[in-house]
Full PDB file with SEQRES, HELIX, SHEET, SSBOND, CRYST1, ORIGX, SCALE, CONECT and MASTER records, all heavy atoms in Angstrom:
SEQRES   1 A   36  ASP PRO LYS GLY TRP LEU THR THR VAL ALA TRP ARG ARG          
SEQRES   2 A   36  PHE LEU ASP VAL ALA ARG ALA ASP ALA ALA ARG ARG ARG          
SEQRES   3 A   36  ARG GLU ASP LEU VAL ASP GLU GLU PRO GLU                      
HELIX    1 AA1 PRO A    2  GLU A   33  1                                  32    
CRYST1    1.000    1.000    1.000  90.00  90.00  90.00 P 1           1          
ORIGX1      1.000000  0.000000  0.000000        0.00000                         
ORIGX2      0.000000  1.000000  0.000000        0.00000                         
ORIGX3      0.000000  0.000000  1.000000        0.00000                         
SCALE1      1.000000  0.000000  0.000000        0.00000                         
SCALE2      0.000000  1.000000  0.000000        0.00000                         
SCALE3      0.000000  0.000000  1.000000        0.00000                         
ATOM      1  N   ASP A   1       3.507   2.172   7.991  1.00  0.00           N  
ATOM      2  CA  ASP A   1       4.957   2.311   7.826  1.00  0.00           C  
ATOM      3  C   ASP A   1       5.259   2.352   6.325  1.00  0.00           C  
ATOM      4  O   ASP A   1       5.579   1.319   5.715  1.00  0.00           O  
ATOM      5  CB  ASP A   1       5.668   1.122   8.485  1.00  0.00           C  
ATOM      6  CG  ASP A   1       7.183   1.190   8.338  1.00  0.00           C  
ATOM      7  OD1 ASP A   1       7.696   2.230   7.856  1.00  0.00           O  
ATOM      8  OD2 ASP A   1       7.862   0.193   8.677  1.00  0.00           O  
ATOM      9  N   PRO A   2       5.171   3.532   5.703  1.00  0.00           N  
ATOM     10  CA  PRO A   2       5.362   3.608   4.242  1.00  0.00           C  
ATOM     11  C   PRO A   2       6.703   3.054   3.776  1.00  0.00           C  
ATOM     12  O   PRO A   2       6.768   2.338   2.776  1.00  0.00           O  
ATOM     13  CB  PRO A   2       5.261   5.113   3.954  1.00  0.00           C  
ATOM     14  CG  PRO A   2       4.454   5.654   5.086  1.00  0.00           C  
ATOM     15  CD  PRO A   2       4.833   4.838   6.288  1.00  0.00           C  
ATOM     16  N   LYS A   3       7.777   3.358   4.490  1.00  0.00           N  
ATOM     17  CA  LYS A   3       9.095   2.888   4.079  1.00  0.00           C  
ATOM     18  C   LYS A   3       9.171   1.361   4.137  1.00  0.00           C  
ATOM     19  O   LYS A   3       9.667   0.701   3.222  1.00  0.00           O  
ATOM     20  CB  LYS A   3      10.169   3.512   4.963  1.00  0.00           C  
ATOM     21  CG  LYS A   3      11.589   3.071   4.620  1.00  0.00           C  
ATOM     22  CD  LYS A   3      12.594   3.769   5.517  1.00  0.00           C  
ATOM     23  CE  LYS A   3      14.008   3.287   5.278  1.00  0.00           C  
ATOM     24  NZ  LYS A   3      14.982   3.953   6.185  1.00  0.00           N  
ATOM     25  N   GLY A   4       8.665   0.788   5.237  1.00  0.00           N  
ATOM     26  CA  GLY A   4       8.669  -0.665   5.363  1.00  0.00           C  
ATOM     27  C   GLY A   4       7.818  -1.322   4.288  1.00  0.00           C  
ATOM     28  O   GLY A   4       8.176  -2.373   3.743  1.00  0.00           O  
ATOM     29  N   TRP A   5       6.678  -0.681   3.991  1.00  0.00           N  
ATOM     30  CA  TRP A   5       5.769  -1.220   2.960  1.00  0.00           C  
ATOM     31  C   TRP A   5       6.470  -1.234   1.604  1.00  0.00           C  
ATOM     32  O   TRP A   5       6.447  -2.248   0.893  1.00  0.00           O  
ATOM     33  CB  TRP A   5       4.510  -0.358   2.907  1.00  0.00           C  
ATOM     34  CG  TRP A   5       3.403  -0.893   2.048  1.00  0.00           C  
ATOM     35  CD1 TRP A   5       2.309  -1.605   2.451  1.00  0.00           C  
ATOM     36  CD2 TRP A   5       3.275  -0.742   0.624  1.00  0.00           C  
ATOM     37  NE1 TRP A   5       1.515  -1.905   1.379  1.00  0.00           N  
ATOM     38  CE2 TRP A   5       2.087  -1.398   0.233  1.00  0.00           C  
ATOM     39  CE3 TRP A   5       4.051  -0.137  -0.353  1.00  0.00           C  
ATOM     40  CZ2 TRP A   5       1.659  -1.440  -1.075  1.00  0.00           C  
ATOM     41  CZ3 TRP A   5       3.634  -0.183  -1.676  1.00  0.00           C  
ATOM     42  CH2 TRP A   5       2.444  -0.825  -2.024  1.00  0.00           C  
ATOM     43  N   LEU A   6       7.104  -0.116   1.235  1.00  0.00           N  
ATOM     44  CA  LEU A   6       7.786  -0.031  -0.053  1.00  0.00           C  
ATOM     45  C   LEU A   6       8.932  -1.039  -0.140  1.00  0.00           C  
ATOM     46  O   LEU A   6       9.130  -1.691  -1.174  1.00  0.00           O  
ATOM     47  CB  LEU A   6       8.336   1.382  -0.270  1.00  0.00           C  
ATOM     48  CG  LEU A   6       7.328   2.456  -0.685  1.00  0.00           C  
ATOM     49  CD1 LEU A   6       8.001   3.825  -0.675  1.00  0.00           C  
ATOM     50  CD2 LEU A   6       6.756   2.165  -2.068  1.00  0.00           C  
ATOM     51  N   THR A   7       9.675  -1.172   0.961  1.00  0.00           N  
ATOM     52  CA  THR A   7      10.803  -2.115   0.970  1.00  0.00           C  
ATOM     53  C   THR A   7      10.320  -3.544   0.772  1.00  0.00           C  
ATOM     54  O   THR A   7      10.879  -4.312  -0.013  1.00  0.00           O  
ATOM     55  CB  THR A   7      11.579  -2.005   2.294  1.00  0.00           C  
ATOM     56  OG1 THR A   7      12.037  -0.658   2.472  1.00  0.00           O  
ATOM     57  CG2 THR A   7      12.782  -2.946   2.303  1.00  0.00           C  
ATOM     58  N   THR A   8       9.263  -3.909   1.482  1.00  0.00           N  
ATOM     59  CA  THR A   8       8.727  -5.270   1.378  1.00  0.00           C  
ATOM     60  C   THR A   8       8.220  -5.564  -0.024  1.00  0.00           C  
ATOM     61  O   THR A   8       8.521  -6.612  -0.624  1.00  0.00           O  
ATOM     62  CB  THR A   8       7.592  -5.471   2.396  1.00  0.00           C  
ATOM     63  OG1 THR A   8       8.102  -5.272   3.711  1.00  0.00           O  
ATOM     64  CG2 THR A   8       7.006  -6.868   2.284  1.00  0.00           C  
ATOM     65  N   VAL A   9       7.435  -4.630  -0.602  1.00  0.00           N  
ATOM     66  CA  VAL A   9       6.876  -4.844  -1.935  1.00  0.00           C  
ATOM     67  C   VAL A   9       7.989  -4.888  -2.986  1.00  0.00           C  
ATOM     68  O   VAL A   9       7.975  -5.734  -3.890  1.00  0.00           O  
ATOM     69  CB  VAL A   9       5.846  -3.743  -2.266  1.00  0.00           C  
ATOM     70  CG1 VAL A   9       5.401  -3.845  -3.725  1.00  0.00           C  
ATOM     71  CG2 VAL A   9       4.647  -3.857  -1.344  1.00  0.00           C  
ATOM     72  N   ALA A  10       8.969  -3.990  -2.861  1.00  0.00           N  
ATOM     73  CA  ALA A  10      10.077  -3.982  -3.821  1.00  0.00           C  
ATOM     74  C   ALA A  10      10.872  -5.283  -3.753  1.00  0.00           C  
ATOM     75  O   ALA A  10      11.274  -5.836  -4.779  1.00  0.00           O  
ATOM     76  CB  ALA A  10      10.995  -2.789  -3.549  1.00  0.00           C  
ATOM     77  N   TRP A  11      11.108  -5.770  -2.519  1.00  0.00           N  
ATOM     78  CA  TRP A  11      11.836  -7.032  -2.355  1.00  0.00           C  
ATOM     79  C   TRP A  11      11.075  -8.188  -3.004  1.00  0.00           C  
ATOM     80  O   TRP A  11      11.658  -9.037  -3.694  1.00  0.00           O  
ATOM     81  CB  TRP A  11      12.062  -7.299  -0.864  1.00  0.00           C  
ATOM     82  CG  TRP A  11      12.749  -8.612  -0.570  1.00  0.00           C  
ATOM     83  CD1 TRP A  11      12.202  -9.716  -0.013  1.00  0.00           C  
ATOM     84  CD2 TRP A  11      14.119  -8.943  -0.827  1.00  0.00           C  
ATOM     85  NE1 TRP A  11      13.131 -10.723   0.095  1.00  0.00           N  
ATOM     86  CE2 TRP A  11      14.324 -10.270  -0.403  1.00  0.00           C  
ATOM     87  CE3 TRP A  11      15.182  -8.241  -1.377  1.00  0.00           C  
ATOM     88  CZ2 TRP A  11      15.545 -10.900  -0.511  1.00  0.00           C  
ATOM     89  CZ3 TRP A  11      16.416  -8.883  -1.478  1.00  0.00           C  
ATOM     90  CH2 TRP A  11      16.586 -10.197  -1.038  1.00  0.00           C  
ATOM     91  N   ARG A  12       9.761  -8.221  -2.802  1.00  0.00           N  
ATOM     92  CA  ARG A  12       8.953  -9.292  -3.407  1.00  0.00           C  
ATOM     93  C   ARG A  12       8.971  -9.189  -4.928  1.00  0.00           C  
ATOM     94  O   ARG A  12       9.022 -10.195  -5.626  1.00  0.00           O  
ATOM     95  CB  ARG A  12       7.516  -9.212  -2.884  1.00  0.00           C  
ATOM     96  CG  ARG A  12       7.392  -9.656  -1.427  1.00  0.00           C  
ATOM     97  CD  ARG A  12       5.992  -9.411  -0.914  1.00  0.00           C  
ATOM     98  NE  ARG A  12       5.844  -9.846   0.480  1.00  0.00           N  
ATOM     99  CZ  ARG A  12       4.812  -9.534   1.254  1.00  0.00           C  
ATOM    100  NH1 ARG A  12       3.837  -8.772   0.769  1.00  0.00           N  
ATOM    101  NH2 ARG A  12       4.747  -9.970   2.496  1.00  0.00           N  
ATOM    102  N   ARG A  13       8.900  -7.947  -5.443  1.00  0.00           N  
ATOM    103  CA  ARG A  13       8.952  -7.760  -6.895  1.00  0.00           C  
ATOM    104  C   ARG A  13      10.286  -8.280  -7.453  1.00  0.00           C  
ATOM    105  O   ARG A  13      10.332  -8.932  -8.498  1.00  0.00           O  
ATOM    106  CB  ARG A  13       8.802  -6.283  -7.260  1.00  0.00           C  
ATOM    107  CG  ARG A  13       7.408  -5.733  -7.045  1.00  0.00           C  
ATOM    108  CD  ARG A  13       6.429  -6.307  -8.052  1.00  0.00           C  
ATOM    109  NE  ARG A  13       5.169  -5.600  -8.035  1.00  0.00           N  
ATOM    110  CZ  ARG A  13       4.157  -5.864  -7.204  1.00  0.00           C  
ATOM    111  NH1 ARG A  13       4.286  -6.852  -6.329  1.00  0.00           N  
ATOM    112  NH2 ARG A  13       3.039  -5.180  -7.247  1.00  0.00           N  
ATOM    113  N   PHE A  14      11.368  -7.982  -6.751  1.00  0.00           N  
ATOM    114  CA  PHE A  14      12.676  -8.466  -7.193  1.00  0.00           C  
ATOM    115  C   PHE A  14      12.703  -9.987  -7.221  1.00  0.00           C  
ATOM    116  O   PHE A  14      13.200 -10.596  -8.175  1.00  0.00           O  
ATOM    117  CB  PHE A  14      13.778  -7.939  -6.271  1.00  0.00           C  
ATOM    118  CG  PHE A  14      15.085  -8.663  -6.454  1.00  0.00           C  
ATOM    119  CD1 PHE A  14      15.865  -8.446  -7.578  1.00  0.00           C  
ATOM    120  CD2 PHE A  14      15.520  -9.590  -5.512  1.00  0.00           C  
ATOM    121  CE1 PHE A  14      17.063  -9.126  -7.755  1.00  0.00           C  
ATOM    122  CE2 PHE A  14      16.713 -10.277  -5.686  1.00  0.00           C  
ATOM    123  CZ  PHE A  14      17.487 -10.047  -6.819  1.00  0.00           C  
ATOM    124  N   LEU A  15      12.181 -10.629  -6.172  1.00  0.00           N  
ATOM    125  CA  LEU A  15      12.177 -12.090  -6.120  1.00  0.00           C  
ATOM    126  C   LEU A  15      11.356 -12.675  -7.261  1.00  0.00           C  
ATOM    127  O   LEU A  15      11.746 -13.677  -7.877  1.00  0.00           O  
ATOM    128  CB  LEU A  15      11.626 -12.569  -4.763  1.00  0.00           C  
ATOM    129  CG  LEU A  15      12.511 -12.296  -3.538  1.00  0.00           C  
ATOM    130  CD1 LEU A  15      11.808 -12.779  -2.276  1.00  0.00           C  
ATOM    131  CD2 LEU A  15      13.873 -12.970  -3.680  1.00  0.00           C  
ATOM    132  N   ASP A  16      10.193 -12.047  -7.551  1.00  0.00           N  
ATOM    133  CA  ASP A  16       9.360 -12.524  -8.648  1.00  0.00           C  
ATOM    134  C   ASP A  16      10.118 -12.477  -9.974  1.00  0.00           C  
ATOM    135  O   ASP A  16      10.103 -13.432 -10.760  1.00  0.00           O  
ATOM    136  CB  ASP A  16       8.090 -11.670  -8.759  1.00  0.00           C  
ATOM    137  CG  ASP A  16       7.105 -11.940  -7.627  1.00  0.00           C  
ATOM    138  OD1 ASP A  16       7.264 -12.971  -6.934  1.00  0.00           O  
ATOM    139  OD2 ASP A  16       6.195 -11.115  -7.423  1.00  0.00           O  
ATOM    140  N   VAL A  17      10.773 -11.331 -10.237  1.00  0.00           N  
ATOM    141  CA  VAL A  17      11.508 -11.178 -11.489  1.00  0.00           C  
ATOM    142  C   VAL A  17      12.681 -12.154 -11.548  1.00  0.00           C  
ATOM    143  O   VAL A  17      12.952 -12.769 -12.580  1.00  0.00           O  
ATOM    144  CB  VAL A  17      12.010  -9.724 -11.641  1.00  0.00           C  
ATOM    145  CG1 VAL A  17      12.945  -9.592 -12.843  1.00  0.00           C  
ATOM    146  CG2 VAL A  17      10.832  -8.780 -11.796  1.00  0.00           C  
ATOM    147  N   ALA A  18      13.396 -12.311 -10.422  1.00  0.00           N  
ATOM    148  CA  ALA A  18      14.545 -13.218 -10.383  1.00  0.00           C  
ATOM    149  C   ALA A  18      14.112 -14.657 -10.656  1.00  0.00           C  
ATOM    150  O   ALA A  18      14.785 -15.387 -11.397  1.00  0.00           O  
ATOM    151  CB  ALA A  18      15.241 -13.122  -9.029  1.00  0.00           C  
ATOM    152  N   ARG A  19      12.995 -15.056 -10.043  1.00  0.00           N  
ATOM    153  CA  ARG A  19      12.510 -16.427 -10.275  1.00  0.00           C  
ATOM    154  C   ARG A  19      12.103 -16.617 -11.735  1.00  0.00           C  
ATOM    155  O   ARG A  19      12.387 -17.645 -12.340  1.00  0.00           O  
ATOM    156  CB  ARG A  19      11.334 -16.713  -9.349  1.00  0.00           C  
ATOM    157  CG  ARG A  19      11.747 -16.886  -7.884  1.00  0.00           C  
ATOM    158  CD  ARG A  19      10.531 -16.963  -6.994  1.00  0.00           C  
ATOM    159  NE  ARG A  19      10.902 -17.037  -5.582  1.00  0.00           N  
ATOM    160  CZ  ARG A  19      10.241 -16.431  -4.614  1.00  0.00           C  
ATOM    161  NH1 ARG A  19       9.169 -15.711  -4.883  1.00  0.00           N  
ATOM    162  NH2 ARG A  19      10.642 -16.534  -3.361  1.00  0.00           N  
ATOM    163  N   ALA A  20      11.388 -15.610 -12.290  1.00  0.00           N  
ATOM    164  CA  ALA A  20      10.969 -15.724 -13.686  1.00  0.00           C  
ATOM    165  C   ALA A  20      12.171 -15.793 -14.616  1.00  0.00           C  
ATOM    166  O   ALA A  20      12.196 -16.561 -15.576  1.00  0.00           O  
ATOM    167  CB  ALA A  20      10.074 -14.536 -14.061  1.00  0.00           C  
ATOM    168  N   ASP A  21      13.199 -14.981 -14.311  1.00  0.00           N  
ATOM    169  CA  ASP A  21      14.396 -14.975 -15.143  1.00  0.00           C  
ATOM    170  C   ASP A  21      15.135 -16.307 -15.039  1.00  0.00           C  
ATOM    171  O   ASP A  21      15.635 -16.844 -16.037  1.00  0.00           O  
ATOM    172  CB  ASP A  21      15.309 -13.830 -14.710  1.00  0.00           C  
ATOM    173  CG  ASP A  21      16.495 -13.662 -15.645  1.00  0.00           C  
ATOM    174  OD1 ASP A  21      16.259 -13.465 -16.854  1.00  0.00           O  
ATOM    175  OD2 ASP A  21      17.638 -13.746 -15.179  1.00  0.00           O  
ATOM    176  N   ALA A  22      15.208 -16.856 -13.822  1.00  0.00           N  
ATOM    177  CA  ALA A  22      15.871 -18.146 -13.640  1.00  0.00           C  
ATOM    178  C   ALA A  22      15.135 -19.246 -14.400  1.00  0.00           C  
ATOM    179  O   ALA A  22      15.753 -20.111 -15.034  1.00  0.00           O  
ATOM    180  CB  ALA A  22      15.948 -18.488 -12.154  1.00  0.00           C  
ATOM    181  N   ALA A  23      13.796 -19.191 -14.354  1.00  0.00           N  
ATOM    182  CA  ALA A  23      13.012 -20.194 -15.072  1.00  0.00           C  
ATOM    183  C   ALA A  23      13.217 -20.069 -16.572  1.00  0.00           C  
ATOM    184  O   ALA A  23      13.346 -21.065 -17.287  1.00  0.00           O  
ATOM    185  CB  ALA A  23      11.529 -20.043 -14.720  1.00  0.00           C  
ATOM    186  N   ARG A  24      13.253 -18.810 -17.068  1.00  0.00           N  
ATOM    187  CA  ARG A  24      13.463 -18.597 -18.493  1.00  0.00           C  
ATOM    188  C   ARG A  24      14.826 -19.124 -18.925  1.00  0.00           C  
ATOM    189  O   ARG A  24      14.959 -19.791 -19.953  1.00  0.00           O  
ATOM    190  CB  ARG A  24      13.349 -17.109 -18.817  1.00  0.00           C  
ATOM    191  CG  ARG A  24      13.698 -16.768 -20.258  1.00  0.00           C  
ATOM    192  CD  ARG A  24      13.606 -15.278 -20.519  1.00  0.00           C  
ATOM    193  NE  ARG A  24      14.504 -14.517 -19.694  1.00  0.00           N  
ATOM    194  CZ  ARG A  24      15.804 -14.382 -19.914  1.00  0.00           C  
ATOM    195  NH1 ARG A  24      16.351 -14.978 -20.950  1.00  0.00           N  
ATOM    196  NH2 ARG A  24      16.560 -13.666 -19.111  1.00  0.00           N  
ATOM    197  N   ARG A  25      15.873 -18.818 -18.121  1.00  0.00           N  
ATOM    198  CA  ARG A  25      17.213 -19.271 -18.482  1.00  0.00           C  
ATOM    199  C   ARG A  25      17.302 -20.793 -18.469  1.00  0.00           C  
ATOM    200  O   ARG A  25      17.987 -21.393 -19.298  1.00  0.00           O  
ATOM    201  CB  ARG A  25      18.230 -18.674 -17.521  1.00  0.00           C  
ATOM    202  CG  ARG A  25      18.357 -17.168 -17.657  1.00  0.00           C  
ATOM    203  CD  ARG A  25      19.511 -16.625 -16.870  1.00  0.00           C  
ATOM    204  NE  ARG A  25      19.564 -15.187 -16.972  1.00  0.00           N  
ATOM    205  CZ  ARG A  25      20.604 -14.453 -16.616  1.00  0.00           C  
ATOM    206  NH1 ARG A  25      21.682 -15.039 -16.140  1.00  0.00           N  
ATOM    207  NH2 ARG A  25      20.579 -13.138 -16.731  1.00  0.00           N  
ATOM    208  N   ARG A  26      16.597 -21.399 -17.522  1.00  0.00           N  
ATOM    209  CA  ARG A  26      16.598 -22.858 -17.467  1.00  0.00           C  
ATOM    210  C   ARG A  26      15.955 -23.442 -18.729  1.00  0.00           C  
ATOM    211  O   ARG A  26      16.447 -24.410 -19.302  1.00  0.00           O  
ATOM    212  CB  ARG A  26      15.843 -23.336 -16.222  1.00  0.00           C  
ATOM    213  CG  ARG A  26      15.742 -24.864 -16.097  1.00  0.00           C  
ATOM    214  CD  ARG A  26      17.108 -25.513 -16.121  1.00  0.00           C  
ATOM    215  NE  ARG A  26      17.022 -26.964 -16.103  1.00  0.00           N  
ATOM    216  CZ  ARG A  26      17.977 -27.765 -16.540  1.00  0.00           C  
ATOM    217  NH1 ARG A  26      19.095 -27.263 -17.041  1.00  0.00           N  
ATOM    218  NH2 ARG A  26      17.831 -29.068 -16.493  1.00  0.00           N  
ATOM    219  N   ARG A  27      14.856 -22.795 -19.187  1.00  0.00           N  
ATOM    220  CA  ARG A  27      14.214 -23.267 -20.413  1.00  0.00           C  
ATOM    221  C   ARG A  27      15.162 -23.123 -21.603  1.00  0.00           C  
ATOM    222  O   ARG A  27      15.222 -23.988 -22.472  1.00  0.00           O  
ATOM    223  CB  ARG A  27      12.923 -22.486 -20.666  1.00  0.00           C  
ATOM    224  CG  ARG A  27      11.801 -22.813 -19.697  1.00  0.00           C  
ATOM    225  CD  ARG A  27      10.467 -22.337 -20.219  1.00  0.00           C  
ATOM    226  NE  ARG A  27      10.412 -20.901 -20.401  1.00  0.00           N  
ATOM    227  CZ  ARG A  27      10.046 -20.045 -19.474  1.00  0.00           C  
ATOM    228  NH1 ARG A  27       9.687 -20.498 -18.270  1.00  0.00           N  
ATOM    229  NH2 ARG A  27       9.996 -18.753 -19.708  1.00  0.00           N  
ATOM    230  N   GLU A  28      15.904 -22.002 -21.651  1.00  0.00           N  
ATOM    231  CA  GLU A  28      16.851 -21.809 -22.747  1.00  0.00           C  
ATOM    232  C   GLU A  28      17.971 -22.847 -22.696  1.00  0.00           C  
ATOM    233  O   GLU A  28      18.415 -23.360 -23.720  1.00  0.00           O  
ATOM    234  CB  GLU A  28      17.429 -20.398 -22.687  1.00  0.00           C  
ATOM    235  CG  GLU A  28      16.404 -19.312 -23.028  1.00  0.00           C  
ATOM    236  CD  GLU A  28      16.948 -17.922 -22.791  1.00  0.00           C  
ATOM    237  OE1 GLU A  28      18.045 -17.800 -22.206  1.00  0.00           O  
ATOM    238  OE2 GLU A  28      16.266 -16.957 -23.177  1.00  0.00           O  
ATOM    239  N   ASP A  29      18.448 -23.176 -21.472  1.00  0.00           N  
ATOM    240  CA  ASP A  29      19.481 -24.197 -21.317  1.00  0.00           C  
ATOM    241  C   ASP A  29      18.964 -25.550 -21.800  1.00  0.00           C  
ATOM    242  O   ASP A  29      19.700 -26.321 -22.430  1.00  0.00           O  
ATOM    243  CB  ASP A  29      19.912 -24.304 -19.852  1.00  0.00           C  
ATOM    244  CG  ASP A  29      20.708 -23.087 -19.396  1.00  0.00           C  
ATOM    245  OD1 ASP A  29      21.206 -22.349 -20.269  1.00  0.00           O  
ATOM    246  OD2 ASP A  29      20.801 -22.862 -18.173  1.00  0.00           O  
ATOM    247  N   LEU A  30      17.700 -25.822 -21.501  1.00  0.00           N  
ATOM    248  CA  LEU A  30      17.123 -27.096 -21.916  1.00  0.00           C  
ATOM    249  C   LEU A  30      17.067 -27.207 -23.434  1.00  0.00           C  
ATOM    250  O   LEU A  30      17.232 -28.293 -24.006  1.00  0.00           O  
ATOM    251  CB  LEU A  30      15.716 -27.266 -21.325  1.00  0.00           C  
ATOM    252  CG  LEU A  30      15.666 -27.532 -19.809  1.00  0.00           C  
ATOM    253  CD1 LEU A  30      14.217 -27.534 -19.335  1.00  0.00           C  
ATOM    254  CD2 LEU A  30      16.342 -28.858 -19.464  1.00  0.00           C  
ATOM    255  N   VAL A  31      16.821 -26.049 -24.104  1.00  0.00           N  
ATOM    256  CA  VAL A  31      16.808 -26.065 -25.562  1.00  0.00           C  
ATOM    257  C   VAL A  31      18.183 -26.489 -26.087  1.00  0.00           C  
ATOM    258  O   VAL A  31      18.310 -27.311 -26.993  1.00  0.00           O  
ATOM    259  CB  VAL A  31      16.428 -24.676 -26.122  1.00  0.00           C  
ATOM    260  CG1 VAL A  31      16.578 -24.662 -27.641  1.00  0.00           C  
ATOM    261  CG2 VAL A  31      15.008 -24.336 -25.724  1.00  0.00           C  
ATOM    262  N   ASP A  32      19.253 -25.901 -25.495  1.00  0.00           N  
ATOM    263  CA  ASP A  32      20.607 -26.232 -25.934  1.00  0.00           C  
ATOM    264  C   ASP A  32      20.967 -27.682 -25.638  1.00  0.00           C  
ATOM    265  O   ASP A  32      21.781 -28.284 -26.332  1.00  0.00           O  
ATOM    266  CB  ASP A  32      21.626 -25.308 -25.244  1.00  0.00           C  
ATOM    267  CG  ASP A  32      21.448 -23.861 -25.667  1.00  0.00           C  
ATOM    268  OD1 ASP A  32      20.921 -23.644 -26.777  1.00  0.00           O  
ATOM    269  OD2 ASP A  32      21.820 -22.970 -24.882  1.00  0.00           O  
ATOM    270  N   GLU A  33      20.365 -28.231 -24.561  1.00  0.00           N  
ATOM    271  CA  GLU A  33      20.708 -29.587 -24.146  1.00  0.00           C  
ATOM    272  C   GLU A  33      19.820 -30.650 -24.766  1.00  0.00           C  
ATOM    273  O   GLU A  33      19.963 -31.830 -24.489  1.00  0.00           O  
ATOM    274  CB  GLU A  33      20.584 -29.692 -22.607  1.00  0.00           C  
ATOM    275  CG  GLU A  33      21.571 -28.786 -21.857  1.00  0.00           C  
ATOM    276  CD  GLU A  33      21.204 -28.660 -20.398  1.00  0.00           C  
ATOM    277  OE1 GLU A  33      20.265 -29.380 -19.954  1.00  0.00           O  
ATOM    278  OE2 GLU A  33      21.829 -27.865 -19.696  1.00  0.00           O  
ATOM    279  N   GLU A  34      18.879 -30.235 -25.622  1.00  0.00           N  
ATOM    280  CA  GLU A  34      17.935 -31.196 -26.186  1.00  0.00           C  
ATOM    281  C   GLU A  34      18.674 -32.271 -26.985  1.00  0.00           C  
ATOM    282  O   GLU A  34      19.592 -31.965 -27.754  1.00  0.00           O  
ATOM    283  CB  GLU A  34      16.944 -30.487 -27.104  1.00  0.00           C  
ATOM    284  CG  GLU A  34      15.830 -29.774 -26.346  1.00  0.00           C  
ATOM    285  CD  GLU A  34      14.813 -29.162 -27.292  1.00  0.00           C  
ATOM    286  OE1 GLU A  34      15.036 -29.241 -28.518  1.00  0.00           O  
ATOM    287  OE2 GLU A  34      13.816 -28.627 -26.810  1.00  0.00           O  
ATOM    288  N   PRO A  35      18.287 -33.525 -26.835  1.00  0.00           N  
ATOM    289  CA  PRO A  35      18.904 -34.611 -27.619  1.00  0.00           C  
ATOM    290  C   PRO A  35      18.431 -34.578 -29.062  1.00  0.00           C  
ATOM    291  O   PRO A  35      17.568 -33.773 -29.426  1.00  0.00           O  
ATOM    292  CB  PRO A  35      18.386 -35.874 -26.899  1.00  0.00           C  
ATOM    293  CG  PRO A  35      17.086 -35.442 -26.299  1.00  0.00           C  
ATOM    294  CD  PRO A  35      17.262 -33.996 -25.905  1.00  0.00           C  
ATOM    295  N   GLU A  36      18.998 -35.443 -29.868  1.00  0.00           N  
ATOM    296  CA  GLU A  36      18.557 -35.541 -31.252  1.00  0.00           C  
ATOM    297  C   GLU A  36      17.064 -35.867 -31.299  1.00  0.00           C  
ATOM    298  O   GLU A  36      16.524 -36.547 -30.432  1.00  0.00           O  
ATOM    299  CB  GLU A  36      19.341 -36.645 -31.979  1.00  0.00           C  
ATOM    300  CG  GLU A  36      20.814 -36.315 -32.202  1.00  0.00           C  
ATOM    301  CD  GLU A  36      20.989 -35.111 -33.091  1.00  0.00           C  
ATOM    302  OE1 GLU A  36      20.233 -34.995 -34.081  1.00  0.00           O  
ATOM    303  OE2 GLU A  36      21.865 -34.284 -32.797  1.00  0.00           O  
TER     304      GLU A  36                                                      
MASTER        0    0    0    1    0    0    0    6  303    1    0    3          
END                                                                             
């Protein structure tokens, strides 16, 4: 099922990028929130 295969892989790729981006933003937020 080529269409199903492409949809599944694309969805997983999106989730991977979204998770990586969320983790990166969290790290940036932590930098701003760092104490003295």
